[in-house]
């Protein structure tokens, strides 16, 4: 049995990492072999790139940012995610290619399709089966952040453009679904698990 690849997405402060780990525990209770990863990162190369992308004090031009994300993601797909899926594991990721579509394609104005094509070339078919976008308003998301990274420090306007890009993606891609991220963690996890079970588990 092939595995499944599920991404948790959303603006900064949406709660992706917390929800992803909690959902993973729920799915393990269903008897599934579940592994969690994060982007950027997840490999030694990816973690080095993560440091540049999120903590560098140098300015990165939009395409340099987009290509660094794509490079980290390609390494993760080839080294970790792809082999896990082939072995039948379910991989839950805190961010994925959909983040690049929303942040660099939409937020930075590079264009959704060109960012999609650059990433698709490096991913060689390792693409999420489902993207769960935790939706909340940008101001609330930024207020939740105890410590902002380089991108989060750019403020409200960028996050609002990113949120709009996620909505644009969902309009054309049935594998992008929204969960109300403004509620308690328990409620967000419950609804995320429900969507995953309905869309992927029950189809096995």
Protein backbone atom coordinates (compact mmCIF):
# COMPACT_ATOMS: atom_id res chain seq x y z
CA UNK A 1 0.00 0.00 0.00
CA UNK A 2 1.36 3.40 -0.96
CA UNK A 3 1.52 6.12 1.66
CA UNK A 4 -0.17 9.50 1.72
CA UNK A 5 1.37 12.96 1.85
CA UNK A 6 -0.54 15.62 3.82
CA UNK A 7 0.53 19.25 4.18
CA UNK A 8 -0.53 21.69 6.86
CA UNK A 9 -0.56 25.20 5.49
CA UNK A 10 -1.49 28.74 6.40
CA UNK A 11 -0.14 32.17 7.21
CA UNK A 12 2.38 32.75 10.00
CA UNK A 13 0.87 31.97 13.40
CA UNK A 14 -1.82 29.62 12.08
CA UNK A 15 -0.69 26.78 14.36
CA UNK A 16 0.54 24.38 11.69
CA UNK A 17 3.29 22.62 13.63
CA UNK A 18 1.15 22.07 16.74
CA UNK A 19 -1.80 20.79 14.74
CA UNK A 20 0.35 18.55 12.53
CA UNK A 21 1.86 16.77 15.52
CA UNK A 22 -1.51 16.32 17.21
CA UNK A 23 -3.12 15.00 14.03
CA UNK A 24 -0.23 12.58 13.58
CA UNK A 25 -0.97 11.09 17.00
CA UNK A 26 -4.63 10.70 16.12
CA UNK A 27 -3.82 8.92 12.88
CA UNK A 28 -1.36 6.63 14.62
CA UNK A 29 -4.33 5.61 16.73
CA UNK A 30 -5.95 4.43 13.47
CA UNK A 31 -3.04 2.04 13.05
CA UNK A 32 -1.22 4.12 10.44
CA UNK A 33 2.55 4.56 10.26
CA UNK A 34 2.82 8.35 10.43
CA UNK A 35 5.99 10.45 10.12
CA UNK A 36 6.15 14.23 10.52
CA UNK A 37 8.54 16.57 8.68
CA UNK A 38 8.89 20.31 8.29
CA UNK A 39 9.77 22.81 5.60
CA UNK A 40 12.14 24.33 5.08
CA UNK A 41 14.33 21.69 6.68
CA UNK A 42 13.95 18.00 7.40
CA UNK A 43 17.41 17.08 6.08
CA UNK A 44 20.90 18.39 6.93
CA UNK A 45 20.92 20.39 3.69
CA UNK A 46 17.40 21.64 4.33
CA UNK A 47 18.17 22.74 7.88
CA UNK A 48 21.16 24.75 6.64
CA UNK A 49 18.94 26.42 4.04
CA UNK A 50 16.28 27.03 6.71
CA UNK A 51 18.78 29.07 8.71
CA UNK A 52 19.39 31.32 5.73
CA UNK A 53 15.73 31.67 4.80
CA UNK A 54 14.29 32.34 8.24
CA UNK A 55 17.11 33.82 10.30
CA UNK A 56 19.47 35.64 7.96
CA UNK A 57 19.71 39.38 8.40
CA UNK A 58 20.63 39.82 4.74
CA UNK A 59 17.99 40.85 2.24
CA UNK A 60 16.98 38.08 -0.14
CA UNK A 61 15.53 39.01 -3.49
CA UNK A 62 12.23 37.17 -4.15
CA UNK A 63 13.65 34.70 -6.67
CA UNK A 64 16.61 33.83 -4.44
CA UNK A 65 14.11 33.13 -1.66
CA UNK A 66 11.91 31.04 -3.96
CA UNK A 67 14.80 28.98 -5.29
CA UNK A 68 16.23 28.31 -1.83
CA UNK A 69 12.84 27.01 -0.69
CA UNK A 70 12.64 24.86 -3.82
CA UNK A 71 16.15 23.48 -3.27
CA UNK A 72 15.43 22.51 0.34
CA UNK A 73 12.14 20.92 -0.74
CA UNK A 74 13.74 18.91 -3.55
CA UNK A 75 16.27 17.47 -1.12
CA UNK A 76 13.54 16.55 1.38
CA UNK A 77 11.43 14.90 -1.33
CA UNK A 78 14.28 12.80 -2.69
CA UNK A 79 15.95 11.91 0.59
CA UNK A 80 13.02 11.52 2.97
CA UNK A 81 9.45 11.95 1.77
CA UNK A 82 9.61 9.91 -1.41
CA UNK A 83 11.17 6.82 0.22
CA UNK A 84 8.72 7.01 3.15
CA UNK A 85 5.73 7.12 0.80
CA UNK A 86 7.07 4.19 -1.19
CA UNK A 87 7.39 2.26 2.07
CA UNK A 88 3.71 2.92 2.85
CA UNK A 89 4.14 5.62 5.50
CA UNK A 90 1.86 8.59 5.88
CA UNK A 91 3.89 11.80 5.86
CA UNK A 92 2.52 14.91 7.54
CA UNK A 93 4.43 18.09 6.79
CA UNK A 94 4.46 21.50 8.42
CA UNK A 95 4.44 23.49 5.13
CA UNK A 96 5.00 22.23 1.60
CA UNK A 97 5.15 23.38 -2.00
CA UNK A 98 1.82 25.11 -1.39
CA UNK A 99 3.64 27.55 0.90
CA UNK A 100 5.90 28.58 -1.95
CA UNK A 101 2.90 29.02 -4.22
CA UNK A 102 1.23 31.24 -1.61
CA UNK A 103 4.25 33.14 -0.25
CA UNK A 104 6.53 33.52 -3.25
CA UNK A 105 3.99 33.04 -6.05
CA UNK A 106 1.29 35.21 -4.49
CA UNK A 107 2.82 37.15 -1.62
CA UNK A 108 6.00 38.12 -3.50
CA UNK A 109 4.18 38.48 -6.81
CA UNK A 110 6.36 36.03 -8.74
CA UNK A 111 3.31 34.23 -10.14
CA UNK A 112 1.68 30.99 -9.07
CA UNK A 113 2.34 29.04 -12.27
CA UNK A 114 6.02 29.82 -12.67
CA UNK A 115 6.69 28.98 -9.00
CA UNK A 116 4.68 25.79 -9.46
CA UNK A 117 6.74 24.76 -12.49
CA UNK A 118 10.08 25.43 -10.79
CA UNK A 119 9.09 23.32 -7.81
CA UNK A 120 7.51 20.55 -9.87
CA UNK A 121 10.78 20.07 -11.71
CA UNK A 122 12.60 19.39 -8.45
CA UNK A 123 9.92 17.30 -6.76
CA UNK A 124 9.65 14.60 -9.45
CA UNK A 125 6.02 13.83 -8.60
CA UNK A 126 6.33 14.00 -4.80
CA UNK A 127 3.37 16.33 -4.30
CA UNK A 128 0.90 16.47 -1.37
CA UNK A 129 -2.27 14.42 -1.70
CA UNK A 130 -4.02 16.95 0.53
CA UNK A 131 -3.23 20.46 1.77
CA UNK A 132 -5.07 21.48 4.94
CA UNK A 133 -5.00 25.28 5.20
CA UNK A 134 -5.58 26.56 8.74
CA UNK A 135 -7.42 29.79 8.07
CA UNK A 136 -7.44 32.85 10.31
CA UNK A 137 -7.00 36.56 9.80
CA UNK A 138 -3.47 37.84 9.37
CA UNK A 139 -3.52 40.18 12.35
CA UNK A 140 -4.47 37.35 14.70
CA UNK A 141 -1.79 35.11 13.24
CA UNK A 142 0.98 37.65 13.74
CA UNK A 143 -0.22 38.40 17.27
CA UNK A 144 0.11 34.70 18.13
CA UNK A 145 3.78 34.61 17.19
CA UNK A 146 6.03 34.79 20.24
CA UNK A 147 9.10 35.16 18.05
CA UNK A 148 8.89 36.17 14.40
CA UNK A 149 11.29 35.00 11.71
CA UNK A 150 12.64 37.02 8.79
CA UNK A 151 9.45 36.62 6.75
CA UNK A 152 7.09 37.17 9.67
CA UNK A 153 8.82 40.44 10.48
CA UNK A 154 7.68 41.86 7.16
CA UNK A 155 4.27 42.38 8.67
CA UNK A 156 0.58 42.39 7.91
CA UNK A 157 0.48 43.31 4.22
CA UNK A 158 2.55 40.30 3.11
CA UNK A 159 0.47 37.91 5.25
CA UNK A 160 -2.75 39.27 3.77
CA UNK A 161 -1.44 38.68 0.24
CA UNK A 162 -0.44 35.15 1.24
CA UNK A 163 -3.92 34.46 2.65
CA UNK A 164 -5.47 35.67 -0.60
CA UNK A 165 -3.14 33.38 -2.57
CA UNK A 166 -4.25 30.34 -0.55
CA UNK A 167 -7.86 31.19 -1.41
CA UNK A 168 -6.94 31.48 -5.08
CA UNK A 169 -5.23 28.08 -4.95
CA UNK A 170 -8.26 26.46 -3.33
CA UNK A 171 -10.53 27.76 -6.09
CA UNK A 172 -8.66 25.68 -8.69
CA UNK A 173 -7.29 22.75 -6.68
CA UNK A 174 -9.71 20.29 -5.01
CA UNK A 175 -6.86 18.96 -2.85
CA UNK A 176 -6.66 22.28 -0.97
CA UNK A 177 -9.15 22.41 1.91
CA UNK A 178 -9.72 24.99 4.63
CA UNK A 179 -10.14 24.43 8.36
CA UNK A 180 -11.07 27.32 10.67
CA UNK A 181 -7.84 27.96 12.54
CA UNK A 182 -9.23 30.65 14.83
CA UNK A 183 -10.67 28.19 17.36
CA UNK A 184 -9.09 26.06 20.08
CA UNK A 185 -6.37 23.58 19.15
CA UNK A 186 -8.67 20.70 20.08
CA UNK A 187 -11.34 21.92 17.67
CA UNK A 188 -8.85 22.54 14.86
CA UNK A 189 -7.30 19.09 15.32
CA UNK A 190 -10.73 17.44 15.41
CA UNK A 191 -11.81 19.04 12.14
CA UNK A 192 -8.45 18.38 10.47
CA UNK A 193 -8.62 14.69 11.39
CA UNK A 194 -12.20 14.53 10.15
CA UNK A 195 -11.23 15.96 6.75
CA UNK A 196 -8.25 13.60 6.41
CA UNK A 197 -10.28 10.55 7.35
CA UNK A 198 -13.05 11.50 4.95
CA UNK A 199 -10.76 12.34 2.03
CA UNK A 200 -7.97 9.78 2.43
CA UNK A 201 -8.41 7.16 5.15
CA UNK A 202 -11.89 6.01 4.13
CA UNK A 203 -10.79 5.73 0.51
CA UNK A 204 -8.26 3.01 1.30
